[in-house]
């Protein structure tokens, strides 16, 4: 991975997290951000690996990974 793709991921991560206030699937996120599904899946996988996002199965959706004791008012 080159430095530019890392920069793009860092730029788009806050936007992805903002959309994941409620669970969403990769296809919906890709449509919201007007990117290819495969690109969104790459970003989501990276966010899951970093512990920023949690993947939920049945159906497969993604949500922000935050401690259950933390409440967000945003």
N, C-alpha and C. Protein backbone atom coordinates (compact mmCIF):
# COMPACT_ATOMS: atom_id res chain seq x y z
N UNK A 1 0.85 -1.18 0.00
CA UNK A 1 0.00 0.00 0.00
C UNK A 1 0.90 1.24 0.00
N UNK A 2 0.64 2.16 -0.89
CA UNK A 2 1.46 3.36 -0.93
C UNK A 2 0.91 4.42 0.02
N UNK A 3 1.68 5.46 0.20
CA UNK A 3 1.33 6.51 1.18
C UNK A 3 0.03 7.21 0.83
N UNK A 4 -0.28 7.35 -0.46
CA UNK A 4 -1.48 8.07 -0.86
C UNK A 4 -2.75 7.32 -0.48
N UNK A 5 -2.78 6.01 -0.64
CA UNK A 5 -3.97 5.26 -0.27
C UNK A 5 -4.16 5.29 1.25
N UNK A 6 -3.08 5.32 2.00
CA UNK A 6 -3.17 5.44 3.46
C UNK A 6 -3.79 6.80 3.81
N UNK A 7 -3.36 7.85 3.12
CA UNK A 7 -3.91 9.18 3.37
C UNK A 7 -5.40 9.22 3.07
N UNK A 8 -5.82 8.59 2.00
CA UNK A 8 -7.24 8.57 1.63
C UNK A 8 -8.04 7.83 2.70
N UNK A 9 -7.53 6.71 3.16
CA UNK A 9 -8.23 5.95 4.21
C UNK A 9 -8.39 6.81 5.46
N UNK A 10 -7.33 7.49 5.88
CA UNK A 10 -7.40 8.34 7.07
C UNK A 10 -8.40 9.48 6.87
N UNK A 11 -8.51 9.96 5.64
CA UNK A 11 -9.46 11.05 5.36
C UNK A 11 -10.90 10.55 5.37
N UNK A 12 -11.13 9.34 4.89
CA UNK A 12 -12.50 8.83 4.76
C UNK A 12 -12.98 8.11 6.02
N UNK A 13 -12.07 7.69 6.88
CA UNK A 13 -12.48 6.95 8.08
C UNK A 13 -13.47 7.72 8.95
N UNK A 14 -13.26 9.00 9.24
CA UNK A 14 -14.26 9.72 10.06
C UNK A 14 -15.64 9.77 9.39
N UNK A 15 -15.67 9.82 8.08
CA UNK A 15 -16.94 9.84 7.36
C UNK A 15 -17.63 8.49 7.49
N UNK A 16 -16.86 7.42 7.35
CA UNK A 16 -17.42 6.07 7.51
C UNK A 16 -17.96 5.91 8.92
N UNK A 17 -17.18 6.31 9.91
CA UNK A 17 -17.61 6.18 11.31
C UNK A 17 -18.89 6.98 11.56
N UNK A 18 -18.99 8.14 10.96
CA UNK A 18 -20.19 8.96 11.11
C UNK A 18 -21.42 8.23 10.57
N UNK A 19 -21.25 7.54 9.44
CA UNK A 19 -22.37 6.79 8.84
C UNK A 19 -22.71 5.55 9.65
N UNK A 20 -21.78 5.10 10.49
CA UNK A 20 -22.00 3.88 11.26
C UNK A 20 -22.54 4.14 12.66
N UNK A 21 -23.17 5.28 12.87
CA UNK A 21 -23.84 5.52 14.14
C UNK A 21 -24.94 4.46 14.33
N UNK A 22 -25.50 4.02 13.20
CA UNK A 22 -26.44 2.90 13.17
C UNK A 22 -25.81 1.84 12.26
N UNK A 23 -26.02 0.54 12.57
CA UNK A 23 -25.43 -0.51 11.73
C UNK A 23 -25.83 -0.37 10.26
N UNK A 24 -24.86 -0.55 9.39
CA UNK A 24 -25.09 -0.50 7.94
C UNK A 24 -24.26 -1.59 7.28
N UNK A 25 -24.72 -2.03 6.14
CA UNK A 25 -23.95 -3.00 5.37
C UNK A 25 -23.01 -2.26 4.42
N UNK A 26 -22.04 -2.99 3.90
CA UNK A 26 -21.02 -2.40 3.04
C UNK A 26 -21.63 -1.79 1.78
N UNK A 27 -22.66 -2.43 1.22
CA UNK A 27 -23.27 -1.92 0.00
C UNK A 27 -23.92 -0.56 0.24
N UNK A 28 -24.65 -0.42 1.34
CA UNK A 28 -25.28 0.86 1.66
C UNK A 28 -24.24 1.95 1.87
N UNK A 29 -23.17 1.62 2.56
CA UNK A 29 -22.10 2.60 2.78
C UNK A 29 -21.46 3.01 1.47
N UNK A 30 -21.21 2.04 0.60
CA UNK A 30 -20.60 2.34 -0.70
C UNK A 30 -21.50 3.27 -1.50
N UNK A 31 -22.80 3.02 -1.46
CA UNK A 31 -23.74 3.88 -2.18
C UNK A 31 -23.78 5.28 -1.58
N UNK A 32 -23.77 5.37 -0.25
CA UNK A 32 -23.79 6.68 0.42
C UNK A 32 -22.57 7.53 0.03
N UNK A 33 -21.42 6.89 -0.06
CA UNK A 33 -20.18 7.62 -0.34
C UNK A 33 -19.79 7.59 -1.81
N UNK A 34 -20.62 6.95 -2.62
CA UNK A 34 -20.39 6.89 -4.06
C UNK A 34 -19.01 6.32 -4.42
N UNK A 35 -18.70 5.17 -3.79
CA UNK A 35 -17.47 4.45 -4.11
C UNK A 35 -17.82 3.01 -4.46
N UNK A 36 -16.87 2.33 -5.08
CA UNK A 36 -17.11 0.92 -5.43
C UNK A 36 -17.24 0.09 -4.17
N UNK A 37 -18.08 -0.93 -4.23
CA UNK A 37 -18.29 -1.83 -3.10
C UNK A 37 -16.97 -2.44 -2.65
N UNK A 38 -16.13 -2.86 -3.58
CA UNK A 38 -14.87 -3.49 -3.20
C UNK A 38 -13.97 -2.52 -2.44
N UNK A 39 -14.00 -1.24 -2.81
CA UNK A 39 -13.21 -0.24 -2.09
C UNK A 39 -13.74 -0.08 -0.67
N UNK A 40 -15.06 -0.02 -0.53
CA UNK A 40 -15.65 0.12 0.80
C UNK A 40 -15.32 -1.09 1.67
N UNK A 41 -15.36 -2.28 1.08
CA UNK A 41 -15.04 -3.49 1.84
C UNK A 41 -13.58 -3.45 2.30
N UNK A 42 -12.68 -2.96 1.47
CA UNK A 42 -11.27 -2.83 1.86
C UNK A 42 -11.15 -1.89 3.07
N UNK A 43 -11.82 -0.74 2.99
CA UNK A 43 -11.76 0.23 4.09
C UNK A 43 -12.38 -0.34 5.36
N UNK A 44 -13.51 -1.03 5.23
CA UNK A 44 -14.16 -1.61 6.40
C UNK A 44 -13.30 -2.70 7.03
N UNK A 45 -12.67 -3.53 6.21
CA UNK A 45 -11.79 -4.57 6.74
C UNK A 45 -10.63 -3.95 7.51
N UNK A 46 -10.07 -2.87 6.98
CA UNK A 46 -8.97 -2.19 7.65
C UNK A 46 -9.46 -1.60 8.98
N UNK A 47 -10.64 -0.99 8.97
CA UNK A 47 -11.20 -0.40 10.19
C UNK A 47 -11.49 -1.48 11.24
N UNK A 48 -11.95 -2.65 10.80
CA UNK A 48 -12.19 -3.77 11.71
C UNK A 48 -10.86 -4.24 12.30
N UNK A 49 -9.84 -4.38 11.46
CA UNK A 49 -8.52 -4.81 11.92
C UNK A 49 -7.92 -3.83 12.92
N UNK A 50 -8.21 -2.56 12.76
CA UNK A 50 -7.70 -1.53 13.67
C UNK A 50 -8.54 -1.41 14.94
N UNK A 51 -9.68 -2.12 14.98
CA UNK A 51 -10.55 -2.05 16.14
C UNK A 51 -11.48 -0.85 16.16
N UNK A 52 -11.55 -0.14 15.05
CA UNK A 52 -12.41 1.05 14.97
C UNK A 52 -13.86 0.69 14.69
N UNK A 53 -14.06 -0.42 13.99
CA UNK A 53 -15.39 -0.85 13.54
C UNK A 53 -15.57 -2.32 13.93
N UNK A 54 -16.79 -2.67 14.26
CA UNK A 54 -17.11 -4.06 14.59
C UNK A 54 -18.01 -4.62 13.51
N UNK A 55 -17.71 -5.83 13.08
CA UNK A 55 -18.53 -6.52 12.07
C UNK A 55 -19.54 -7.40 12.79
N UNK A 56 -20.80 -7.29 12.39
CA UNK A 56 -21.88 -8.09 12.96
C UNK A 56 -22.38 -9.03 11.87
N UNK A 57 -22.60 -10.27 12.22
CA UNK A 57 -23.08 -11.25 11.23
C UNK A 57 -24.59 -11.45 11.34
N UNK A 58 -25.19 -11.91 10.25
CA UNK A 58 -26.61 -12.31 10.16
C UNK A 58 -27.55 -11.16 10.46
N UNK A 59 -27.79 -10.24 9.56
CA UNK A 59 -27.06 -10.02 8.31
C UNK A 59 -25.74 -9.31 8.59
N UNK A 60 -24.83 -9.39 7.63
CA UNK A 60 -23.53 -8.76 7.82
C UNK A 60 -23.69 -7.25 7.77
N UNK A 61 -23.41 -6.62 8.88
CA UNK A 61 -23.43 -5.16 8.98
C UNK A 61 -22.22 -4.72 9.77
N UNK A 62 -21.98 -3.43 9.77
CA UNK A 62 -20.85 -2.86 10.49
C UNK A 62 -21.35 -1.76 11.40
N UNK A 63 -20.69 -1.58 12.53
CA UNK A 63 -21.06 -0.55 13.49
C UNK A 63 -19.79 -0.06 14.17
N UNK A 64 -19.81 1.16 14.67
CA UNK A 64 -18.66 1.69 15.39
C UNK A 64 -18.38 0.79 16.58
N UNK A 65 -17.12 0.48 16.79
CA UNK A 65 -16.70 -0.34 17.91
C UNK A 65 -16.41 0.56 19.10
N UNK A 66 -17.35 0.65 20.02
CA UNK A 66 -17.13 1.46 21.21
C UNK A 66 -17.56 0.68 22.44
N UNK A 67 -16.92 0.96 23.55
CA UNK A 67 -17.30 0.25 24.78
C UNK A 67 -18.77 0.48 25.09
N UNK A 68 -19.42 -0.53 25.64
CA UNK A 68 -20.85 -0.42 25.92
C UNK A 68 -21.13 0.60 27.01
N UNK A 69 -20.13 0.94 27.81
CA UNK A 69 -20.33 1.93 28.87
C UNK A 69 -20.24 3.36 28.35
N UNK A 70 -19.72 3.52 27.15
CA UNK A 70 -19.55 4.87 26.60
C UNK A 70 -20.82 5.27 25.86
N UNK A 71 -21.36 6.41 26.19
CA UNK A 71 -22.53 6.93 25.51
C UNK A 71 -22.14 8.14 24.67
N UNK A 72 -22.66 8.21 23.47
CA UNK A 72 -22.36 9.34 22.60
C UNK A 72 -23.59 10.22 22.47
N UNK A 73 -23.39 11.49 22.64
CA UNK A 73 -24.48 12.44 22.48
C UNK A 73 -24.44 13.14 21.15
N UNK A 74 -23.53 12.73 20.29
CA UNK A 74 -23.37 13.39 18.99
C UNK A 74 -24.33 12.85 17.98
